Each structure stands twice: as C-alpha cells, then as structure tokens.
PDB file of N, CA and C in Angstrom:
ATOM      1  N   GLU A   1      -1.517 -12.243  -8.755  1.00  0.00           N
ATOM      2  CA  GLU A   1      -2.436 -12.009  -9.819  1.00  0.00           C
ATOM      3  C   GLU A   1      -3.690 -11.379  -9.254  1.00  0.00           C
ATOM      4  N   GLY A   2      -3.868 -10.118  -9.520  1.00  0.00           N
ATOM      5  CA  GLY A   2      -5.052  -9.435  -9.040  1.00  0.00           C
ATOM      6  C   GLY A   2      -6.036  -9.199 -10.155  1.00  0.00           C
ATOM      7  N   LYS A   3      -7.183  -8.741  -9.773  1.00  0.00           N
ATOM      8  CA  LYS A   3      -8.206  -8.407 -10.754  1.00  0.00           C
ATOM      9  C   LYS A   3      -7.859  -7.052 -11.351  1.00  0.00           C
ATOM     10  N   GLU A   4      -7.832  -6.965 -12.659  1.00  0.00           N
ATOM     11  CA  GLU A   4      -7.532  -5.700 -13.316  1.00  0.00           C
ATOM     12  C   GLU A   4      -8.806  -4.882 -13.428  1.00  0.00           C
ATOM     13  N   VAL A   5      -8.730  -3.633 -12.957  1.00  0.00           N
ATOM     14  CA  VAL A   5      -9.882  -2.742 -12.975  1.00  0.00           C
ATOM     15  C   VAL A   5      -9.485  -1.467 -13.692  1.00  0.00           C
ATOM     16  N   GLU A   6     -10.266  -1.062 -14.672  1.00  0.00           N
ATOM     17  CA  GLU A   6     -10.015   0.185 -15.383  1.00  0.00           C
ATOM     18  C   GLU A   6     -11.179   1.133 -15.143  1.00  0.00           C
ATOM     19  N   VAL A   7     -10.853   2.302 -14.616  1.00  0.00           N
ATOM     20  CA  VAL A   7     -11.855   3.339 -14.405  1.00  0.00           C
ATOM     21  C   VAL A   7     -11.325   4.594 -15.087  1.00  0.00           C
ATOM     22  N   PRO A   8     -11.968   5.042 -16.150  1.00  0.00           N
ATOM     23  CA  PRO A   8     -11.475   6.215 -16.877  1.00  0.00           C
ATOM     24  C   PRO A   8     -11.303   7.424 -15.960  1.00  0.00           C
ATOM     25  N   GLY A   9     -10.115   8.031 -16.035  1.00  0.00           N
ATOM     26  CA  GLY A   9      -9.841   9.232 -15.261  1.00  0.00           C
ATOM     27  C   GLY A   9      -9.400   8.986 -13.834  1.00  0.00           C
ATOM     28  N   LEU A  10      -9.469   7.755 -13.366  1.00  0.00           N
ATOM     29  CA  LEU A  10      -9.073   7.453 -11.989  1.00  0.00           C
ATOM     30  C   LEU A  10      -7.593   7.107 -11.962  1.00  0.00           C
ATOM     31  N   THR A  11      -6.855   7.783 -11.094  1.00  0.00           N
ATOM     32  CA  THR A  11      -5.426   7.526 -10.954  1.00  0.00           C
ATOM     33  C   THR A  11      -5.131   7.090  -9.529  1.00  0.00           C
ATOM     34  N   LEU A  12      -3.938   6.576  -9.319  1.00  0.00           N
ATOM     35  CA  LEU A  12      -3.533   6.195  -7.964  1.00  0.00           C
ATOM     36  C   LEU A  12      -3.628   7.397  -7.028  1.00  0.00           C
ATOM     37  N   ARG A  13      -3.216   8.553  -7.498  1.00  0.00           N
ATOM     38  CA  ARG A  13      -3.280   9.751  -6.662  1.00  0.00           C
ATOM     39  C   ARG A  13      -4.725  10.089  -6.284  1.00  0.00           C
ATOM     40  N   SER A  14      -5.686   9.735  -7.142  1.00  0.00           N
ATOM     41  CA  SER A  14      -7.100   9.995  -6.855  1.00  0.00           C
ATOM     42  C   SER A  14      -7.581   9.249  -5.616  1.00  0.00           C
ATOM     43  N   VAL A  15      -7.016   8.080  -5.366  1.00  0.00           N
ATOM     44  CA  VAL A  15      -7.491   7.246  -4.271  1.00  0.00           C
ATOM     45  C   VAL A  15      -6.481   7.138  -3.121  1.00  0.00           C
ATOM     46  N   LEU A  16      -5.327   7.803  -3.250  1.00  0.00           N
ATOM     47  CA  LEU A  16      -4.302   7.745  -2.220  1.00  0.00           C
ATOM     48  C   LEU A  16      -4.753   8.522  -0.989  1.00  0.00           C
ATOM     49  N   VAL A  17      -4.769   7.866   0.153  1.00  0.00           N
ATOM     50  CA  VAL A  17      -5.204   8.484   1.397  1.00  0.00           C
ATOM     51  C   VAL A  17      -4.002   8.881   2.245  1.00  0.00           C
ATOM     52  N   ARG A  18      -2.997   8.039   2.269  1.00  0.00           N
ATOM     53  CA  ARG A  18      -1.813   8.281   3.093  1.00  0.00           C
ATOM     54  C   ARG A  18      -0.607   7.628   2.412  1.00  0.00           C
ATOM     55  N   GLY A  19       0.552   8.270   2.530  1.00  0.00           N
ATOM     56  CA  GLY A  19       1.778   7.669   2.036  1.00  0.00           C
ATOM     57  C   GLY A  19       2.347   8.284   0.784  1.00  0.00           C
ATOM     58  N   GLU A  20       1.990   9.527   0.481  1.00  0.00           N
ATOM     59  CA  GLU A  20       2.534  10.138  -0.731  1.00  0.00           C
ATOM     60  C   GLU A  20       3.916  10.745  -0.516  1.00  0.00           C
ATOM     61  N   GLU A  21       4.375  10.835   0.733  1.00  0.00           N
ATOM     62  CA  GLU A  21       5.696  11.370   1.016  1.00  0.00           C
ATOM     63  C   GLU A  21       6.759  10.438   0.427  1.00  0.00           C
ATOM     64  N   PRO A  22       7.846  10.995  -0.114  1.00  0.00           N
ATOM     65  CA  PRO A  22       8.881  10.152  -0.722  1.00  0.00           C
ATOM     66  C   PRO A  22       9.481   9.125   0.239  1.00  0.00           C
ATOM     67  N   GLU A  23       9.540   9.447   1.516  1.00  0.00           N
ATOM     68  CA  GLU A  23      10.145   8.538   2.495  1.00  0.00           C
ATOM     69  C   GLU A  23       9.159   7.525   3.076  1.00  0.00           C
ATOM     70  N   ALA A  24       7.906   7.576   2.653  1.00  0.00           N
ATOM     71  CA  ALA A  24       6.877   6.672   3.188  1.00  0.00           C
ATOM     72  C   ALA A  24       7.206   5.215   2.872  1.00  0.00           C
ATOM     73  N   LEU A  25       6.999   4.351   3.856  1.00  0.00           N
ATOM     74  CA  LEU A  25       7.146   2.913   3.653  1.00  0.00           C
ATOM     75  C   LEU A  25       5.855   2.271   3.187  1.00  0.00           C
ATOM     76  N   ILE A  26       4.728   2.863   3.599  1.00  0.00           N
ATOM     77  CA  ILE A  26       3.404   2.286   3.356  1.00  0.00           C
ATOM     78  C   ILE A  26       2.529   3.295   2.632  1.00  0.00           C
ATOM     79  N   ARG A  27       1.729   2.820   1.692  1.00  0.00           N
ATOM     80  CA  ARG A  27       0.699   3.639   1.061  1.00  0.00           C
ATOM     81  C   ARG A  27      -0.659   3.060   1.411  1.00  0.00           C
ATOM     82  N   SER A  28      -1.595   3.945   1.674  1.00  0.00           N
ATOM     83  CA  SER A  28      -2.958   3.532   1.970  1.00  0.00           C
ATOM     84  C   SER A  28      -3.876   4.161   0.929  1.00  0.00           C
ATOM     85  N   ASN A  29      -4.686   3.330   0.310  1.00  0.00           N
ATOM     86  CA  ASN A  29      -5.572   3.775  -0.763  1.00  0.00           C
ATOM     87  C   ASN A  29      -7.006   3.350  -0.486  1.00  0.00           C
ATOM     88  N   LEU A  30      -7.926   4.075  -1.109  1.00  0.00           N
ATOM     89  CA  LEU A  30      -9.298   3.585  -1.183  1.00  0.00           C
ATOM     90  C   LEU A  30      -9.294   2.427  -2.162  1.00  0.00           C
ATOM     91  N   ASP A  31     -10.231   1.547  -2.034  1.00  0.00           N
ATOM     92  CA  ASP A  31     -10.323   0.391  -2.920  1.00  0.00           C
ATOM     93  C   ASP A  31     -10.747   0.838  -4.322  1.00  0.00           C
ATOM     94  N   PHE A  32     -10.014   0.403  -5.347  1.00  0.00           N
ATOM     95  CA  PHE A  32     -10.309   0.776  -6.731  1.00  0.00           C
ATOM     96  C   PHE A  32     -11.656   0.251  -7.203  1.00  0.00           C
ATOM     97  N   GLN A  33     -12.144  -0.833  -6.594  1.00  0.00           N
ATOM     98  CA  GLN A  33     -13.415  -1.408  -7.030  1.00  0.00           C
ATOM     99  C   GLN A  33     -14.606  -0.821  -6.286  1.00  0.00           C
ATOM    100  N   GLY A  34     -14.340   0.188  -5.456  1.00  0.00           N
ATOM    101  CA  GLY A  34     -15.432   0.861  -4.767  1.00  0.00           C
ATOM    102  C   GLY A  34     -15.922   0.161  -3.516  1.00  0.00           C
ATOM    103  N   ARG A  35     -15.218  -0.881  -3.078  1.00  0.00           N
ATOM    104  CA  ARG A  35     -15.616  -1.541  -1.834  1.00  0.00           C
ATOM    105  C   ARG A  35     -15.262  -0.634  -0.662  1.00  0.00           C
ATOM    106  N   SER A  36     -15.976  -0.758   0.413  1.00  0.00           N
ATOM    107  CA  SER A  36     -15.755   0.112   1.570  1.00  0.00           C
ATOM    108  C   SER A  36     -14.616  -0.423   2.436  1.00  0.00           C
ATOM    109  N   CYS A  37     -13.399  -0.296   1.911  1.00  0.00           N
ATOM    110  CA  CYS A  37     -12.226  -0.725   2.664  1.00  0.00           C
ATOM    111  C   CYS A  37     -11.016   0.073   2.192  1.00  0.00           C
ATOM    112  N   TYR A  38      -9.982   0.028   2.977  1.00  0.00           N
ATOM    113  CA  TYR A  38      -8.715   0.641   2.605  1.00  0.00           C
ATOM    114  C   TYR A  38      -7.743  -0.469   2.236  1.00  0.00           C
ATOM    115  N   VAL A  39      -6.861  -0.177   1.306  1.00  0.00           N
ATOM    116  CA  VAL A  39      -5.856  -1.133   0.863  1.00  0.00           C
ATOM    117  C   VAL A  39      -4.491  -0.560   1.220  1.00  0.00           C
ATOM    118  N   LEU A  40      -3.708  -1.303   1.993  1.00  0.00           N
ATOM    119  CA  LEU A  40      -2.371  -0.875   2.356  1.00  0.00           C
ATOM    120  C   LEU A  40      -1.359  -1.687   1.570  1.00  0.00           C
ATOM    121  N   VAL A  41      -0.402  -0.990   0.971  1.00  0.00           N
ATOM    122  CA  VAL A  41       0.644  -1.634   0.183  1.00  0.00           C
ATOM    123  C   VAL A  41       1.983  -1.012   0.543  1.00  0.00           C
ATOM    124  N   MET A  42       3.033  -1.723   0.217  1.00  0.00           N
ATOM    125  CA  MET A  42       4.365  -1.179   0.433  1.00  0.00           C
ATOM    126  C   MET A  42       4.626  -0.097  -0.613  1.00  0.00           C
ATOM    127  N   ALA A  43       5.149   1.041  -0.164  1.00  0.00           N
ATOM    128  CA  ALA A  43       5.496   2.130  -1.079  1.00  0.00           C
ATOM    129  C   ALA A  43       6.694   1.702  -1.928  1.00  0.00           C
ATOM    130  N   PRO A  44       6.829   2.263  -3.108  1.00  0.00           N
ATOM    131  CA  PRO A  44       7.919   1.858  -4.007  1.00  0.00           C
ATOM    132  C   PRO A  44       9.318   2.007  -3.401  1.00  0.00           C
ATOM    133  N   ASN A  45       9.503   2.946  -2.488  1.00  0.00           N
ATOM    134  CA  ASN A  45      10.822   3.159  -1.888  1.00  0.00           C
ATOM    135  C   ASN A  45      11.108   2.255  -0.696  1.00  0.00           C
ATOM    136  N   ALA A  46      10.144   1.482  -0.254  1.00  0.00           N
ATOM    137  CA  ALA A  46      10.373   0.565   0.864  1.00  0.00           C
ATOM    138  C   ALA A  46      11.388  -0.493   0.444  1.00  0.00           C
ATOM    139  N   PRO A  47      12.321  -0.841   1.327  1.00  0.00           N
ATOM    140  CA  PRO A  47      13.337  -1.840   0.965  1.00  0.00           C
ATOM    141  C   PRO A  47      12.755  -3.152   0.435  1.00  0.00           C
ATOM    142  N   SER A  48      11.700  -3.647   1.035  1.00  0.00           N
ATOM    143  CA  SER A  48      11.123  -4.911   0.565  1.00  0.00           C
ATOM    144  C   SER A  48      10.532  -4.757  -0.834  1.00  0.00           C
ATOM    145  N   ALA A  49       9.933  -3.597  -1.116  1.00  0.00           N
ATOM    146  CA  ALA A  49       9.371  -3.348  -2.445  1.00  0.00           C
ATOM    147  C   ALA A  49      10.480  -3.241  -3.484  1.00  0.00           C
ATOM    148  N   GLN A  50      11.581  -2.599  -3.127  1.00  0.00           N
ATOM    149  CA  GLN A  50      12.708  -2.484  -4.052  1.00  0.00           C
ATOM    150  C   GLN A  50      13.328  -3.848  -4.326  1.00  0.00           C
ATOM    151  N   SER A  51      13.456  -4.653  -3.289  1.00  0.00           N
ATOM    152  CA  SER A  51      14.011  -6.000  -3.447  1.00  0.00           C
ATOM    153  C   SER A  51      13.122  -6.849  -4.346  1.00  0.00           C
ATOM    154  N   ALA A  52      11.820  -6.780  -4.122  1.00  0.00           N
ATOM    155  CA  ALA A  52      10.885  -7.548  -4.947  1.00  0.00           C
ATOM    156  C   ALA A  52      10.909  -7.050  -6.391  1.00  0.00           C
ATOM    157  N   ALA A  53      10.945  -5.742  -6.590  1.00  0.00           N
ATOM    158  CA  ALA A  53      10.949  -5.168  -7.935  1.00  0.00           C
ATOM    159  C   ALA A  53      12.190  -5.586  -8.711  1.00  0.00           C
ATOM    160  N   ALA A  54      13.317  -5.722  -8.020  1.00  0.00           N
ATOM    161  CA  ALA A  54      14.557  -6.144  -8.681  1.00  0.00           C
ATOM    162  C   ALA A  54      14.425  -7.551  -9.255  1.00  0.00           C
ATOM    163  N   LYS A  55      13.498  -8.337  -8.690  1.00  0.00           N
ATOM    164  CA  LYS A  55      13.246  -9.698  -9.174  1.00  0.00           C
ATOM    165  C   LYS A  55      12.032  -9.750 -10.101  1.00  0.00           C
ATOM    166  N   GLY A  56      11.463  -8.571 -10.406  1.00  0.00           N
ATOM    167  CA  GLY A  56      10.268  -8.532 -11.246  1.00  0.00           C
ATOM    168  C   GLY A  56       9.020  -8.969 -10.517  1.00  0.00           C
ATOM    169  N   GLU A  57       9.004  -8.829  -9.207  1.00  0.00           N
ATOM    170  CA  GLU A  57       7.875  -9.274  -8.385  1.00  0.00           C
ATOM    171  C   GLU A  57       7.330  -8.112  -7.566  1.00  0.00           C
ATOM    172  N   VAL A  58       6.315  -8.391  -6.792  1.00  0.00           N
ATOM    173  CA  VAL A  58       5.775  -7.446  -5.811  1.00  0.00           C
ATOM    174  C   VAL A  58       5.740  -8.132  -4.452  1.00  0.00           C
ATOM    175  N   VAL A  59       5.664  -7.347  -3.407  1.00  0.00           N
ATOM    176  CA  VAL A  59       5.557  -7.901  -2.057  1.00  0.00           C
ATOM    177  C   VAL A  59       4.149  -8.465  -1.895  1.00  0.00           C
ATOM    178  N   ARG A  60       4.061  -9.721  -1.495  1.00  0.00           N
ATOM    179  CA  ARG A  60       2.754 -10.373  -1.340  1.00  0.00           C
ATOM    180  C   ARG A  60       2.488 -10.863   0.076  1.00  0.00           C
ATOM    181  N   ARG A  61       3.540 -11.059   0.851  1.00  0.00           N
ATOM    182  CA  ARG A  61       3.366 -11.652   2.184  1.00  0.00           C
ATOM    183  C   ARG A  61       4.057 -10.806   3.239  1.00  0.00           C
ATOM    184  N   GLN A  62       3.436 -10.757   4.406  1.00  0.00           N
ATOM    185  CA  GLN A  62       4.040 -10.020   5.510  1.00  0.00           C
ATOM    186  C   GLN A  62       5.399 -10.598   5.889  1.00  0.00           C
ATOM    187  N   ALA A  63       5.605 -11.878   5.647  1.00  0.00           N
ATOM    188  CA  ALA A  63       6.881 -12.523   5.968  1.00  0.00           C
ATOM    189  C   ALA A  63       8.033 -11.944   5.152  1.00  0.00           C
ATOM    190  N   GLU A  64       7.724 -11.258   4.054  1.00  0.00           N
ATOM    191  CA  GLU A  64       8.760 -10.646   3.221  1.00  0.00           C
ATOM    192  C   GLU A  64       9.235  -9.306   3.770  1.00  0.00           C
ATOM    193  N   LEU A  65       8.567  -8.800   4.795  1.00  0.00           N
ATOM    194  CA  LEU A  65       8.884  -7.485   5.349  1.00  0.00           C
ATOM    195  C   LEU A  65       9.907  -7.583   6.470  1.00  0.00           C
ATOM    196  N   SER A  66      10.691  -6.517   6.603  1.00  0.00           N
ATOM    197  CA  SER A  66      11.585  -6.413   7.756  1.00  0.00           C
ATOM    198  C   SER A  66      10.737  -6.061   8.973  1.00  0.00           C
ATOM    199  N   ASP A  67      11.315  -6.183  10.153  1.00  0.00           N
ATOM    200  CA  ASP A  67      10.569  -5.832  11.368  1.00  0.00           C
ATOM    201  C   ASP A  67      10.084  -4.381  11.342  1.00  0.00           C
ATOM    202  N   PRO A  68      10.933  -3.402  10.961  1.00  0.00           N
ATOM    203  CA  PRO A  68      10.436  -2.020  10.898  1.00  0.00           C
ATOM    204  C   PRO A  68       9.317  -1.829   9.868  1.00  0.00           C
ATOM    205  N   GLU A  69       9.408  -2.524   8.741  1.00  0.00           N
ATOM    206  CA  GLU A  69       8.354  -2.413   7.730  1.00  0.00           C
ATOM    207  C   GLU A  69       7.048  -3.026   8.234  1.00  0.00           C
ATOM    208  N   LEU A  70       7.138  -4.166   8.886  1.00  0.00           N
ATOM    209  CA  LEU A  70       5.946  -4.819   9.426  1.00  0.00           C
ATOM    210  C   LEU A  70       5.284  -3.938  10.479  1.00  0.00           C
ATOM    211  N   ALA A  71       6.105  -3.341  11.342  1.00  0.00           N
ATOM    212  CA  ALA A  71       5.567  -2.429  12.358  1.00  0.00           C
ATOM    213  C   ALA A  71       4.898  -1.224  11.696  1.00  0.00           C
ATOM    214  N   ALA A  72       5.515  -0.676  10.643  1.00  0.00           N
ATOM    215  CA  ALA A  72       4.932   0.467   9.934  1.00  0.00           C
ATOM    216  C   ALA A  72       3.610   0.088   9.282  1.00  0.00           C
ATOM    217  N   LEU A  73       3.534  -1.117   8.718  1.00  0.00           N
ATOM    218  CA  LEU A  73       2.299  -1.578   8.090  1.00  0.00           C
ATOM    219  C   LEU A  73       1.152  -1.614   9.103  1.00  0.00           C
ATOM    220  N   TRP A  74       1.390  -2.253  10.226  1.00  0.00           N
ATOM    221  CA  TRP A  74       0.333  -2.381  11.232  1.00  0.00           C
ATOM    222  C   TRP A  74       0.033  -1.062  11.920  1.00  0.00           C
ATOM    223  N   ARG A  75       1.038  -0.220  12.097  1.00  0.00           N
ATOM    224  CA  ARG A  75       0.815   1.105  12.685  1.00  0.00           C
ATOM    225  C   ARG A  75      -0.072   1.936  11.751  1.00  0.00           C
ATOM    226  N   THR A  76       0.205   1.868  10.455  1.00  0.00           N
ATOM    227  CA  THR A  76      -0.607   2.600   9.478  1.00  0.00           C
ATOM    228  C   THR A  76      -2.033   2.070   9.463  1.00  0.00           C
ATOM    229  N   ALA A  77      -2.191   0.761   9.508  1.00  0.00           N
ATOM    230  CA  ALA A  77      -3.537   0.168   9.545  1.00  0.00           C
ATOM    231  C   ALA A  77      -4.304   0.647  10.763  1.00  0.00           C
ATOM    232  N   ALA A  78      -3.644   0.679  11.922  1.00  0.00           N
ATOM    233  CA  ALA A  78      -4.292   1.135  13.146  1.00  0.00           C
ATOM    234  C   ALA A  78      -4.679   2.611  13.042  1.00  0.00           C
ATOM    235  N   MET A  79      -3.799   3.421  12.463  1.00  0.00           N
ATOM    236  CA  MET A  79      -4.104   4.854  12.296  1.00  0.00           C
ATOM    237  C   MET A  79      -5.281   5.047  11.353  1.00  0.00           C
ATOM    238  N   MET A  80      -5.327   4.266  10.271  1.00  0.00           N
ATOM    239  CA  MET A  80      -6.440   4.375   9.337  1.00  0.00           C
ATOM    240  C   MET A  80      -7.756   4.001  10.016  1.00  0.00           C
ATOM    241  N   ALA A  81      -7.732   2.947  10.805  1.00  0.00           N
ATOM    242  CA  ALA A  81      -8.952   2.522  11.505  1.00  0.00           C
ATOM    243  C   ALA A  81      -9.380   3.592  12.514  1.00  0.00           C
ATOM    244  N   GLU A  82      -8.413   4.164  13.200  1.00  0.00           N
ATOM    245  CA  GLU A  82      -8.731   5.186  14.196  1.00  0.00           C
ATOM    246  C   GLU A  82      -9.264   6.461  13.536  1.00  0.00           C
ATOM    247  N   ASP A  83      -8.628   6.887  12.436  1.00  0.00           N
ATOM    248  CA  ASP A  83      -8.997   8.126  11.785  1.00  0.00           C
ATOM    249  C   ASP A  83     -10.277   8.021  10.955  1.00  0.00           C
ATOM    250  N   HIS A  84     -10.487   6.863  10.339  1.00  0.00           N
ATOM    251  CA  HIS A  84     -11.578   6.750   9.369  1.00  0.00           C
ATOM    252  C   HIS A  84     -12.625   5.678   9.704  1.00  0.00           C
ATOM    253  N   GLY A  85     -12.380   4.951  10.790  1.00  0.00           N
ATOM    254  CA  GLY A  85     -13.359   3.971  11.219  1.00  0.00           C
ATOM    255  C   GLY A  85     -13.384   2.716  10.507  1.00  0.00           C
TER     256      GLY A  85
END
C-alpha cells in the first residue's frame, strides 16, 4: 500500500531514468513526490514481477527475487549512484 500521488501531465515515462528496454529487469525512476532520490522497481517483464502479477500482487521484498534479478537490482542501484550521485 503506497501513497497515491496524482500530478497532472506526469507519466511514468516522464520520470523513467533507466530500464525502458523491453528486456530490462529493473526500472529506475525519479521519485513521483519530488524527493531527491531514485526509485528502483522490477520491470513488468521480470520473472518475479510476472509471477507476482499472476497472483494480483507486486514484488515487495528482495527475498522474492531470483539471484540474477537481485544482482541486477543492486548493479542498477550502484550504476545510478555512480552516474548521478
């Protein structure tokens, strides 16, 4: 259960920083609430995201990720920190 934020004209693509490729496991976005942070989420095509979606859920815990997905998550986080500080 997250906080719902509505910003007229703002779309996911507006804040997407990394992960728009169809094969991407991880998406990195600017924070919708304007906080100075990046938000990393599993891309819709990631196996864990597909498994969760089949149950009507979303991925909430790192324990739900496979080893390759977990490595991709942390690798993306490290790249974001290196590239954007």
